[in-house]
Amino acid sequence: MKAKLLIFLVIAALLSGCGLFSRSKKQTSNTTGWNYNDPETGNIPYTSGYKQEGGPGLVFIEGGTFTMGRVEEDVMSKWDNVPRRITVASFWMDEAEVSNQDYREYLYWISRVYPNDRARMEAALPDTLQWREELAYNEPYIQNYLRHPAYSDYPVVGVSWIQAEAYASWRTDRVNEQILVSKGIMAHDMSQNGENVFTTDTYLTGLYTGTSGRRPQEMADGTVRPVRWEDGILLSRYRLPTEAEWEYAAYGLIGNTEGELLTDRKMYPWNGAHLRVDTKKNKGRMQANFTRGRGDLMGMAGALNDNADIAAPVRSYIPNDFGLYCMSGNVNEWVSDVYRPLNFKDVAEFQPFRGNVFTVPRRDDNGNYQKNQYGEMVYDTIADYRNFKDGDPNSQMIEGNDWVSASTNKTEDMYIQDDRQGYFSSLIGDDVRVYKGGSWKDRAYWLTPGARRYLQQEKSMNDLGFRCAMTNVGSPGGF
C-alpha cells in the first residue's frame, strides 16, 4: 500500500512539473517581462479570451461584404440607392420587431419611476391616432392595438424615430442594471425616481450609486473596486441599426455562399423572386405580410393567404438565414441614418453611415459631470470636432475610469458646396430619417431590402415600427 502511494506521489510530482496539475501561470508582458494582474508588480491589468455575450432578444450577425442598393428596376424613378459594394462589421440584432409588450414594459417603468411626470409619459406614448383614417372604421385600433392583450405580440407602431432611440437607451440601462444585479455587484433599487435613476453612463462615472452604494467587485487584476467599462462586464448600447446593417441582415446571404463565392443573389430575404413558399409542407403560403393588390390585404375567407389583416405577431412567417423574422413586410422599420437622395455618391466602403455628431459630457466649474432631472447624463455637441481645442473628443469620452457615449445621430449636410469650409449643404434637413422593409399595407415592390423611404424623425405611422441592434466587440467571427 505504501509502495503504491509512493509511486502515485512520484507520478504526481512529474505531472506537476509538466504543468498538468500546476496552477495556471501568471501571464507575462511581452514588453517588460513583468507579470500581469500580480500585486507584486503593481497589478498591471490584462484580460484575455473575452467573448461578448448577446443581450436579451439579440441574434449574432456575422459581418462581411455585399452589394448594398436595389438590384431590380427602380419603378419609382428615384435612383437614390444605386448598388455599391461595401463591408459591414459583425453586430447583433433583434430577432424580431419590438412588440407592444416590449414597449409597454418601457411605459410601465416610466409610470413607476416618474409617477407624476405627465410630460415624460406623453413624450414616450405612441401616437395611436395614426390609426384614424378618412372613410375607414379603424377607431377600435386607437384604443386596442397598443393596450389590449390580444395585440401584445404584435409590433409596436405609431412611434417616432426619436421615441425609438429613447426606448433603445432605456433598454440599454435596464439590461446593464440587471447584469450588475445578477452578478451581485448591485442590489435591485426599486426606489429609483427622479434624478436617482440608474443609467449605464451615470453608474460608470460615479453619479449613480443606488441605495446599496457602488459595491466593489474583485477583478481579474486582483484589485477590489467598482466595475469599469473596460472590465467587459457591461454590454454595448442598444441602438437602431444603420441602414447598411439593416439591409445586410435582411438579405441573410450567409446561406447563399460557398467559401467566398456568392452562389445566388436575392431579391427578398428568401431565395427566388417569388412571394409564396415553395416547400411541400407550406406550399403556396405567403412569405411575408403585405398587400397583394388593390383592396386585398389578406385573401379570401377560409384561405387567408398571410393570416393578417393589419400587422401580424412579430415572430410570424419563416425567418431568414440569420434567424430574423419579418425583415420584409409586417411593418416598416426605422434605421438610424439621416436620409440623403444621392447616398451612393459619398459613402464609406466600411461601415457606411450618415448621422455622426460628436459630443462631450457637460461638467460644472468644479469639473463634475452633470445630469438632468431624469438622472441622465447631459452632453454638449462639439460644433466642429476637427478644431476641438480642448483635446481629442475621444479623450473626453474615455477619461480615467469613466466611460460615456460620444455619438448621437445627426450629420453634416451634403451636396451644395459651402466655400467657407469645403463642405456641402442640402435642402433636406438632418431630421429626416430612413425607414425600410415594407409593411402590411405596402405592395411587394417595397419588400426588397434595398428599397428605402424617409420620414421626419418626429413623425410616425401605423405601419412603422423598429428593432434594435448592438455593436459587436472583438472578433468578427464571434469568438
Protein backbone atom coordinates (compact mmCIF):
# COMPACT_ATOMS: atom_id res chain seq x y z
CA MET A 1 0.00 0.00 0.00
CA LYS A 2 2.81 2.37 0.95
CA ALA A 3 4.62 1.49 -2.28
CA LYS A 4 1.55 2.35 -4.37
CA LEU A 5 1.19 5.66 -2.54
CA LEU A 6 4.86 6.45 -3.14
CA ILE A 7 4.53 5.67 -6.86
CA PHE A 8 1.45 7.92 -7.10
CA LEU A 9 3.27 10.81 -5.43
CA VAL A 10 6.23 10.46 -7.80
CA ILE A 11 3.92 10.46 -10.86
CA ALA A 12 2.01 13.46 -9.50
CA ALA A 13 5.25 15.35 -8.98
CA LEU A 14 6.34 14.62 -12.57
CA LEU A 15 2.96 15.71 -13.98
CA SER A 16 3.05 18.82 -11.84
CA GLY A 17 6.41 19.69 -13.34
CA CYS A 18 4.84 19.39 -16.79
CA GLY A 19 2.11 21.82 -15.72
CA LEU A 20 -0.82 19.38 -15.87
CA PHE A 21 -1.53 19.63 -12.16
CA SER A 22 0.01 23.00 -11.53
CA ARG A 23 -1.86 26.28 -11.18
CA SER A 24 -2.11 28.34 -14.32
CA LYS A 25 0.90 30.54 -14.72
CA LYS A 26 0.54 34.28 -14.50
CA GLN A 27 0.51 35.99 -17.89
CA THR A 28 3.65 37.98 -18.57
CA SER A 29 4.14 41.16 -20.54
CA ASN A 30 5.92 40.76 -23.88
CA THR A 31 7.05 44.35 -23.46
CA THR A 32 8.62 44.35 -19.98
CA GLY A 33 8.52 40.76 -18.78
CA TRP A 34 6.52 41.81 -15.72
CA ASN A 35 3.56 39.71 -14.61
CA TYR A 36 0.06 40.97 -15.31
CA ASN A 37 -2.60 41.06 -12.56
CA ASP A 38 0.08 40.44 -9.92
CA PRO A 39 0.18 42.51 -6.70
CA GLU A 40 3.97 42.17 -6.64
CA THR A 41 4.28 44.01 -9.97
CA GLY A 42 1.62 46.63 -9.34
CA ASN A 43 -1.43 44.77 -10.67
CA ILE A 44 -0.88 45.69 -14.31
CA PRO A 45 -4.36 44.94 -15.71
CA TYR A 46 -4.80 42.48 -18.56
CA THR A 47 -7.74 40.31 -19.61
CA SER A 48 -7.61 37.86 -22.48
CA GLY A 49 -10.10 35.50 -24.08
CA TYR A 50 -13.05 37.90 -23.86
CA LYS A 51 -16.13 36.82 -25.80
CA GLN A 52 -19.17 39.07 -25.98
CA GLU A 53 -22.48 37.67 -24.87
CA GLY A 54 -25.55 38.80 -26.76
CA GLY A 55 -28.11 40.86 -24.91
CA PRO A 56 -31.73 39.66 -24.47
CA GLY A 57 -33.56 39.24 -27.76
CA LEU A 58 -30.47 39.59 -29.96
CA VAL A 59 -29.10 37.36 -32.74
CA PHE A 60 -25.45 37.45 -33.84
CA ILE A 61 -25.00 38.74 -37.39
CA GLU A 62 -21.61 37.81 -38.83
CA GLY A 63 -20.40 40.68 -40.98
CA GLY A 64 -18.96 40.66 -44.47
CA THR A 65 -19.13 42.27 -47.88
CA PHE A 66 -22.26 42.63 -50.00
CA THR A 67 -23.77 44.83 -52.68
CA MET A 68 -25.89 47.47 -50.99
CA GLY A 69 -28.69 49.05 -53.00
CA ARG A 70 -31.51 47.94 -55.23
CA VAL A 71 -30.93 45.11 -57.67
CA GLU A 72 -34.06 45.50 -59.80
CA GLU A 73 -35.64 48.34 -61.74
CA ASP A 74 -36.45 51.47 -59.77
CA VAL A 75 -40.07 51.86 -60.83
CA MET A 76 -40.38 54.99 -58.69
CA SER A 77 -37.63 56.61 -60.82
CA LYS A 78 -35.92 57.98 -57.72
CA TRP A 79 -32.49 56.42 -58.35
CA ASP A 80 -31.41 57.24 -54.81
CA ASN A 81 -29.97 53.82 -53.98
CA VAL A 82 -27.59 52.76 -56.75
CA PRO A 83 -25.84 49.44 -55.93
CA ARG A 84 -22.32 49.69 -54.45
CA ARG A 85 -20.14 47.15 -52.68
CA ILE A 86 -19.46 47.77 -49.00
CA THR A 87 -18.43 45.81 -45.90
CA VAL A 88 -20.40 45.60 -42.67
CA ALA A 89 -18.77 44.64 -39.37
CA SER A 90 -20.32 41.88 -37.29
CA PHE A 91 -23.06 43.06 -34.95
CA TRP A 92 -26.10 41.91 -33.00
CA MET A 93 -29.72 42.47 -34.00
CA ASP A 94 -33.16 41.83 -32.55
CA GLU A 95 -34.62 38.54 -33.69
CA ALA A 96 -37.96 40.26 -34.16
CA GLU A 97 -39.51 43.70 -34.23
CA VAL A 98 -40.11 45.42 -30.89
CA SER A 99 -43.57 44.32 -29.79
CA ASN A 100 -46.36 46.11 -27.97
CA GLN A 101 -45.48 44.10 -24.85
CA ASP A 102 -41.84 45.16 -25.11
CA TYR A 103 -42.84 48.80 -25.41
CA ARG A 104 -45.47 48.58 -22.66
CA GLU A 105 -42.73 47.43 -20.28
CA TYR A 106 -40.96 50.70 -21.08
CA LEU A 107 -44.14 52.70 -20.44
CA TYR A 108 -44.76 50.83 -17.18
CA TRP A 109 -41.24 51.66 -16.00
CA ILE A 110 -41.78 55.35 -16.73
CA SER A 111 -45.09 55.37 -14.83
CA ARG A 112 -43.42 53.70 -11.82
CA VAL A 113 -40.26 55.82 -11.71
CA TYR A 114 -41.84 59.14 -12.73
CA PRO A 115 -45.43 58.69 -11.45
CA ASN A 116 -46.38 62.36 -11.57
CA ASP A 117 -44.48 63.39 -14.67
CA ARG A 118 -47.13 63.63 -17.35
CA ALA A 119 -44.77 65.23 -19.87
CA ARG A 120 -42.35 62.32 -19.60
CA MET A 121 -45.09 59.78 -20.26
CA GLU A 122 -46.62 61.74 -23.13
CA ALA A 123 -43.20 62.01 -24.78
CA ALA A 124 -42.95 58.20 -24.81
CA LEU A 125 -46.52 57.26 -25.76
CA PRO A 126 -47.03 56.04 -29.35
CA ASP A 127 -49.44 58.08 -31.44
CA THR A 128 -52.42 55.76 -31.57
CA LEU A 129 -54.35 58.35 -33.58
CA GLN A 130 -52.27 57.23 -36.57
CA TRP A 131 -54.95 54.55 -36.97
CA ARG A 132 -57.60 57.15 -37.71
CA GLU A 133 -58.32 57.42 -41.42
CA GLU A 134 -60.96 59.13 -43.51
CA LEU A 135 -63.59 56.79 -44.91
CA ALA A 136 -62.38 53.88 -42.76
CA TYR A 137 -63.61 52.41 -39.47
CA ASN A 138 -60.29 51.96 -37.69
CA GLU A 139 -61.42 53.52 -34.41
CA PRO A 140 -61.15 50.25 -32.39
CA TYR A 141 -57.40 50.11 -33.10
CA ILE A 142 -56.93 53.51 -31.47
CA GLN A 143 -57.95 52.05 -28.11
CA ASN A 144 -56.99 48.40 -28.55
CA TYR A 145 -53.86 47.92 -30.64
CA LEU A 146 -51.32 49.16 -28.10
CA ARG A 147 -53.16 48.27 -24.90
CA HIS A 148 -55.24 45.11 -25.41
CA PRO A 149 -53.58 41.76 -24.62
CA ALA A 150 -54.82 40.40 -27.97
CA TYR A 151 -52.09 42.52 -29.61
CA SER A 152 -49.29 42.00 -27.05
CA ASP A 153 -47.06 40.16 -29.53
CA TYR A 154 -47.77 42.49 -32.44
CA PRO A 155 -45.15 45.08 -33.45
CA VAL A 156 -45.46 48.46 -31.79
CA VAL A 157 -46.33 51.20 -34.29
CA GLY A 158 -47.02 54.92 -34.10
CA VAL A 159 -43.55 55.52 -32.66
CA SER A 160 -41.31 58.24 -34.00
CA TRP A 161 -37.60 57.84 -34.64
CA ILE A 162 -36.95 59.95 -31.53
CA GLN A 163 -39.11 57.63 -29.41
CA ALA A 164 -37.38 54.55 -30.82
CA GLU A 165 -33.98 55.99 -29.88
CA ALA A 166 -35.22 56.77 -26.36
CA TYR A 167 -36.52 53.20 -25.97
CA ALA A 168 -33.14 51.80 -27.07
CA SER A 169 -31.34 53.92 -24.46
CA TRP A 170 -33.74 52.82 -21.74
CA ARG A 171 -33.29 49.18 -22.76
CA THR A 172 -29.50 49.53 -22.55
CA ASP A 173 -29.73 50.76 -18.99
CA ARG A 174 -32.20 48.12 -17.82
CA VAL A 175 -30.13 45.28 -19.33
CA ASN A 176 -26.89 46.55 -17.79
CA GLU A 177 -28.60 47.12 -14.47
CA GLN A 178 -29.82 43.52 -14.50
CA ILE A 179 -26.30 42.28 -15.29
CA LEU A 180 -24.89 44.07 -12.25
CA VAL A 181 -27.70 42.78 -10.05
CA SER A 182 -27.35 39.18 -11.25
CA LYS A 183 -23.61 39.25 -10.52
CA GLY A 184 -24.21 40.58 -7.01
CA ILE A 185 -22.43 43.84 -7.79
CA MET A 186 -25.52 45.94 -7.17
CA ALA A 187 -28.86 45.40 -5.45
CA HIS A 188 -32.20 45.97 -7.15
CA ASP A 189 -33.16 49.54 -6.30
CA MET A 190 -36.94 49.74 -6.56
CA SER A 191 -36.90 53.22 -5.03
CA GLN A 192 -35.43 54.79 -8.16
CA ASN A 193 -37.16 58.03 -9.05
CA GLY A 194 -36.41 61.50 -10.37
CA GLU A 195 -32.66 62.07 -10.60
CA ASN A 196 -31.92 58.89 -8.63
CA VAL A 197 -32.17 56.57 -11.65
CA PHE A 198 -29.66 54.01 -12.90
CA THR A 199 -28.16 54.65 -16.31
CA THR A 200 -25.05 52.99 -17.69
CA ASP A 201 -23.26 56.33 -18.10
CA THR A 202 -24.08 57.68 -14.64
CA TYR A 203 -23.08 54.40 -13.00
CA LEU A 204 -19.70 54.30 -14.72
CA THR A 205 -18.97 57.95 -13.98
CA GLY A 206 -19.94 57.55 -10.32
CA LEU A 207 -23.05 59.77 -10.47
CA TYR A 208 -25.33 56.86 -9.56
CA THR A 209 -24.60 54.71 -6.53
CA GLY A 210 -28.03 53.28 -5.70
CA THR A 211 -29.34 52.57 -2.23
CA SER A 212 -26.63 50.00 -1.52
CA GLY A 213 -23.78 52.04 -2.96
CA ARG A 214 -21.48 51.33 -5.87
CA ARG A 215 -20.39 47.98 -4.46
CA PRO A 216 -16.76 46.97 -5.09
CA GLN A 217 -16.04 43.82 -7.08
CA GLU A 218 -12.95 41.60 -7.06
CA MET A 219 -11.49 41.93 -10.52
CA ALA A 220 -9.15 39.80 -12.66
CA ASP A 221 -6.24 42.10 -11.85
CA GLY A 222 -6.59 41.28 -8.15
CA THR A 223 -7.97 44.66 -7.13
CA VAL A 224 -11.28 45.28 -5.39
CA ARG A 225 -13.06 48.24 -6.95
CA PRO A 226 -16.28 49.29 -8.72
CA VAL A 227 -16.88 47.98 -12.22
CA ARG A 228 -15.40 49.92 -15.13
CA TRP A 229 -16.34 49.82 -18.79
CA GLU A 230 -13.00 48.26 -19.71
CA ASP A 231 -13.75 45.26 -17.48
CA GLY A 232 -16.07 43.94 -20.20
CA ILE A 233 -18.91 43.17 -17.80
CA LEU A 234 -21.45 45.61 -19.23
CA LEU A 235 -22.89 45.37 -22.73
CA SER A 236 -22.67 47.90 -25.52
CA ARG A 237 -25.71 50.08 -26.00
CA TYR A 238 -28.85 49.02 -27.78
CA ARG A 239 -29.47 51.31 -30.74
CA LEU A 240 -31.21 51.49 -34.09
CA PRO A 241 -29.30 49.62 -36.80
CA THR A 242 -27.62 51.60 -39.54
CA GLU A 243 -29.17 51.34 -42.99
CA ALA A 244 -26.24 49.21 -44.16
CA GLU A 245 -26.56 46.85 -41.18
CA TRP A 246 -30.30 46.52 -41.63
CA GLU A 247 -30.08 45.77 -45.36
CA TYR A 248 -27.21 43.29 -44.89
CA ALA A 249 -29.09 41.46 -42.13
CA ALA A 250 -32.32 41.38 -44.13
CA TYR A 251 -30.77 39.61 -47.12
CA GLY A 252 -29.20 36.92 -44.93
CA LEU A 253 -26.72 35.89 -47.63
CA ILE A 254 -24.93 33.56 -45.23
CA GLY A 255 -26.99 30.71 -46.66
CA ASN A 256 -26.09 31.51 -50.28
CA THR A 257 -22.32 31.22 -50.23
CA GLU A 258 -19.65 28.63 -50.97
CA GLY A 259 -16.41 29.82 -49.44
CA GLU A 260 -16.16 33.43 -50.53
CA LEU A 261 -18.39 32.95 -53.56
CA LEU A 262 -21.99 34.18 -53.59
CA THR A 263 -23.90 31.44 -55.39
CA ASP A 264 -27.30 33.12 -55.56
CA ARG A 265 -28.31 36.75 -55.20
CA LYS A 266 -31.56 37.58 -53.50
CA MET A 267 -34.40 39.94 -54.26
CA TYR A 268 -36.02 39.31 -50.87
CA PRO A 269 -34.86 37.81 -47.54
CA TRP A 270 -35.77 34.41 -49.01
CA ASN A 271 -34.47 32.76 -52.17
CA GLY A 272 -36.09 33.34 -55.51
CA ALA A 273 -38.20 36.15 -56.94
CA HIS A 274 -41.49 34.61 -55.83
CA LEU A 275 -43.60 35.67 -52.85
CA ARG A 276 -45.02 32.29 -51.87
CA VAL A 277 -43.43 29.34 -50.06
CA ASP A 278 -42.37 26.57 -52.45
CA THR A 279 -41.74 23.77 -49.94
CA LYS A 280 -44.20 20.88 -49.85
CA LYS A 281 -45.40 21.45 -46.29
CA ASN A 282 -46.37 25.11 -46.68
CA LYS A 283 -46.54 25.37 -50.44
CA GLY A 284 -48.47 28.39 -51.64
CA ARG A 285 -48.42 30.30 -48.34
CA MET A 286 -47.19 33.87 -48.37
CA GLN A 287 -43.58 34.54 -47.34
CA ALA A 288 -44.48 37.87 -45.75
CA ASN A 289 -47.32 40.13 -44.70
CA PHE A 290 -48.06 42.66 -47.46
CA THR A 291 -50.83 43.87 -49.75
CA ARG A 292 -51.21 41.75 -52.87
CA GLY A 293 -53.26 44.28 -54.80
CA ARG A 294 -55.89 46.97 -54.51
CA GLY A 295 -58.16 46.11 -51.60
CA ASP A 296 -56.56 42.68 -51.00
CA LEU A 297 -54.75 42.70 -47.65
CA MET A 298 -55.23 39.06 -46.60
CA GLY A 299 -57.02 36.97 -49.19
CA MET A 300 -60.33 35.13 -49.09
CA ALA A 301 -62.18 33.87 -46.02
CA GLY A 302 -61.31 30.24 -45.39
CA ALA A 303 -57.94 30.67 -47.10
CA LEU A 304 -56.32 33.78 -45.64
CA ASN A 305 -53.04 33.91 -47.53
CA ASP A 306 -50.96 35.69 -44.88
CA ASN A 307 -53.40 35.37 -41.95
CA ALA A 308 -53.07 39.06 -41.16
CA ASP A 309 -55.42 41.93 -41.89
CA ILE A 310 -53.06 44.54 -40.42
CA ALA A 311 -49.75 43.58 -38.75
CA ALA A 312 -49.08 40.04 -37.54
CA PRO A 313 -47.26 38.82 -34.39
CA VAL A 314 -43.58 39.65 -34.59
CA ARG A 315 -42.44 36.01 -34.96
CA SER A 316 -44.69 35.17 -37.87
CA TYR A 317 -43.63 33.63 -41.19
CA ILE A 318 -40.33 31.88 -41.88
CA PRO A 319 -37.18 33.62 -40.55
CA ASN A 320 -34.31 34.35 -42.93
CA ASP A 321 -30.94 32.58 -42.81
CA PHE A 322 -29.75 34.77 -39.93
CA GLY A 323 -32.83 33.74 -37.94
CA LEU A 324 -34.53 37.16 -38.23
CA TYR A 325 -38.29 37.42 -38.52
CA CYS A 326 -40.28 39.79 -40.75
CA MET A 327 -37.38 41.61 -42.36
CA SER A 328 -39.79 42.11 -45.25
CA GLY A 329 -43.41 43.06 -44.65
CA ASN A 330 -45.41 43.26 -41.42
CA VAL A 331 -44.22 46.79 -40.50
CA ASN A 332 -41.61 49.14 -41.89
CA GLU A 333 -38.66 49.76 -39.58
CA TRP A 334 -36.71 52.86 -38.64
CA VAL A 335 -32.95 52.83 -39.16
CA SER A 336 -30.51 55.32 -37.69
CA ASP A 337 -29.33 57.05 -40.89
CA VAL A 338 -30.19 60.55 -42.00
CA TYR A 339 -31.72 60.43 -45.47
CA ARG A 340 -29.85 61.79 -48.46
CA PRO A 341 -31.08 61.16 -52.03
CA LEU A 342 -27.62 60.61 -53.53
CA ASN A 343 -26.15 58.49 -50.76
CA PHE A 344 -24.15 56.32 -53.13
CA LYS A 345 -22.01 59.26 -54.31
CA ASP A 346 -20.47 59.79 -50.89
CA VAL A 347 -20.26 56.58 -48.90
CA ALA A 348 -17.61 54.81 -46.84
CA GLU A 349 -16.68 51.32 -48.02
CA PHE A 350 -16.56 50.05 -44.42
CA GLN A 351 -19.49 50.62 -42.08
CA PRO A 352 -21.24 53.33 -44.17
CA PHE A 353 -23.41 55.58 -42.04
CA ARG A 354 -24.73 59.10 -42.28
CA GLY A 355 -25.56 60.62 -38.93
CA ASN A 356 -22.48 61.30 -36.80
CA VAL A 357 -22.23 64.12 -34.33
CA PHE A 358 -19.63 64.33 -31.59
CA THR A 359 -20.45 65.23 -28.01
CA VAL A 360 -18.75 65.57 -24.64
CA PRO A 361 -20.27 65.23 -21.18
CA ARG A 362 -21.10 68.54 -19.53
CA ARG A 363 -19.17 69.47 -16.40
CA ASP A 364 -19.67 72.20 -13.84
CA ASP A 365 -16.99 74.69 -12.79
CA ASN A 366 -15.50 72.10 -10.45
CA GLY A 367 -15.15 69.53 -13.21
CA ASN A 368 -18.03 67.36 -12.01
CA TYR A 369 -20.28 65.60 -14.54
CA GLN A 370 -23.84 66.90 -14.84
CA LYS A 371 -27.14 65.05 -15.12
CA ASN A 372 -30.68 66.21 -15.84
CA GLN A 373 -33.91 65.88 -13.86
CA TYR A 374 -34.34 62.32 -15.15
CA GLY A 375 -30.97 61.15 -13.88
CA GLU A 376 -29.43 61.07 -17.37
CA MET A 377 -26.02 62.40 -18.35
CA VAL A 378 -26.03 65.80 -20.08
CA TYR A 379 -23.95 66.19 -23.24
CA ASP A 380 -22.80 69.18 -25.27
CA THR A 381 -22.30 68.97 -29.01
CA ILE A 382 -18.92 69.85 -30.44
CA ALA A 383 -19.62 72.29 -33.26
CA ASP A 384 -16.52 71.36 -35.25
CA TYR A 385 -14.72 68.32 -33.85
CA ARG A 386 -11.83 68.84 -36.30
CA ASN A 387 -10.85 72.02 -34.46
CA PHE A 388 -11.74 70.91 -30.95
CA LYS A 389 -9.28 72.92 -28.83
CA ASP A 390 -9.65 71.14 -25.51
CA GLY A 391 -8.30 67.85 -26.75
CA ASP A 392 -9.38 64.89 -28.81
CA PRO A 393 -13.11 64.16 -28.31
CA ASN A 394 -12.21 60.54 -27.68
CA SER A 395 -10.04 61.56 -24.74
CA GLN A 396 -13.14 63.19 -23.33
CA MET A 397 -15.10 60.02 -23.95
CA ILE A 398 -12.68 57.76 -22.08
CA GLU A 399 -11.17 59.64 -19.21
CA GLY A 400 -9.62 57.84 -16.28
CA ASN A 401 -12.05 55.14 -15.22
CA ASP A 402 -15.07 56.78 -16.80
CA TRP A 403 -16.98 55.86 -19.91
CA VAL A 404 -19.68 57.83 -21.66
CA SER A 405 -21.22 57.71 -25.09
CA ALA A 406 -19.72 60.03 -27.68
CA SER A 407 -22.12 59.62 -30.58
CA THR A 408 -25.73 60.51 -31.19
CA ASN A 409 -27.40 60.93 -34.53
CA LYS A 410 -27.03 63.98 -36.66
CA THR A 411 -24.99 64.83 -39.72
CA GLU A 412 -23.28 67.42 -41.82
CA ASP A 413 -25.40 68.49 -44.77
CA MET A 414 -24.31 67.42 -48.22
CA TYR A 415 -24.45 68.28 -51.93
CA ILE A 416 -24.41 72.10 -52.15
CA GLN A 417 -20.85 73.32 -51.71
CA ASP A 418 -20.03 75.69 -48.91
CA ASP A 419 -16.83 77.50 -49.96
CA ARG A 420 -16.05 78.65 -46.43
CA GLN A 421 -15.30 75.14 -45.15
CA GLY A 422 -15.26 72.98 -48.25
CA TYR A 423 -18.31 71.06 -47.04
CA PHE A 424 -21.72 70.74 -48.65
CA SER A 425 -25.25 71.51 -47.59
CA SER A 426 -28.71 70.37 -48.62
CA LEU A 427 -32.33 71.43 -48.50
CA ILE A 428 -33.08 68.09 -46.84
CA GLY A 429 -32.73 68.56 -43.09
CA ASP A 430 -30.92 66.40 -40.60
CA ASP A 431 -34.27 65.50 -39.04
CA VAL A 432 -35.24 63.27 -41.98
CA ARG A 433 -34.56 59.57 -41.35
CA VAL A 434 -34.58 56.41 -43.45
CA TYR A 435 -37.03 53.55 -42.96
CA LYS A 436 -37.05 50.18 -44.72
CA GLY A 437 -38.73 46.81 -45.08
CA GLY A 438 -42.24 47.29 -46.43
CA SER A 439 -45.40 46.68 -44.40
CA TRP A 440 -48.83 45.09 -44.28
CA LYS A 441 -50.23 47.98 -46.32
CA ASP A 442 -47.42 48.07 -48.95
CA ARG A 443 -47.15 46.36 -52.31
CA ALA A 444 -44.41 43.78 -52.91
CA TYR A 445 -42.11 46.39 -54.51
CA TRP A 446 -41.22 47.73 -51.06
CA LEU A 447 -40.34 44.29 -49.62
CA THR A 448 -36.92 44.36 -51.27
CA PRO A 449 -34.33 45.11 -48.54
CA GLY A 450 -32.62 47.62 -50.84
CA ALA A 451 -35.73 49.82 -51.05
CA ARG A 452 -35.63 52.93 -48.90
CA ARG A 453 -38.02 55.68 -47.91
CA TYR A 454 -37.84 58.55 -45.47
CA LEU A 455 -39.84 60.46 -42.88
CA GLN A 456 -39.17 63.28 -40.45
CA GLN A 457 -37.87 61.85 -37.19
CA GLU A 458 -40.63 63.29 -35.02
CA LYS A 459 -43.42 61.75 -37.14
CA SER A 460 -44.92 58.27 -37.04
CA MET A 461 -47.22 55.94 -38.98
CA ASN A 462 -49.48 52.99 -38.18
CA ASP A 463 -47.27 50.64 -40.22
CA LEU A 464 -43.86 51.84 -38.99
CA GLY A 465 -42.04 50.22 -36.07
CA PHE A 466 -38.43 49.29 -35.31
CA ARG A 467 -35.98 46.75 -33.95
CA CYS A 468 -32.72 47.29 -32.08
CA ALA A 469 -29.10 46.42 -32.82
CA MET A 470 -25.91 46.27 -30.77
CA THR A 471 -22.27 46.72 -31.75
CA ASN A 472 -20.12 43.60 -31.55
CA VAL A 473 -16.73 43.97 -29.87
CA GLY A 474 -13.81 41.72 -30.70
CA SER A 475 -13.61 39.02 -33.34
CA PRO A 476 -15.97 39.33 -36.34
CA GLY A 477 -16.47 35.59 -36.06
CA GLY A 478 -17.99 35.98 -32.60
CA PHE A 479 -15.17 34.19 -30.75
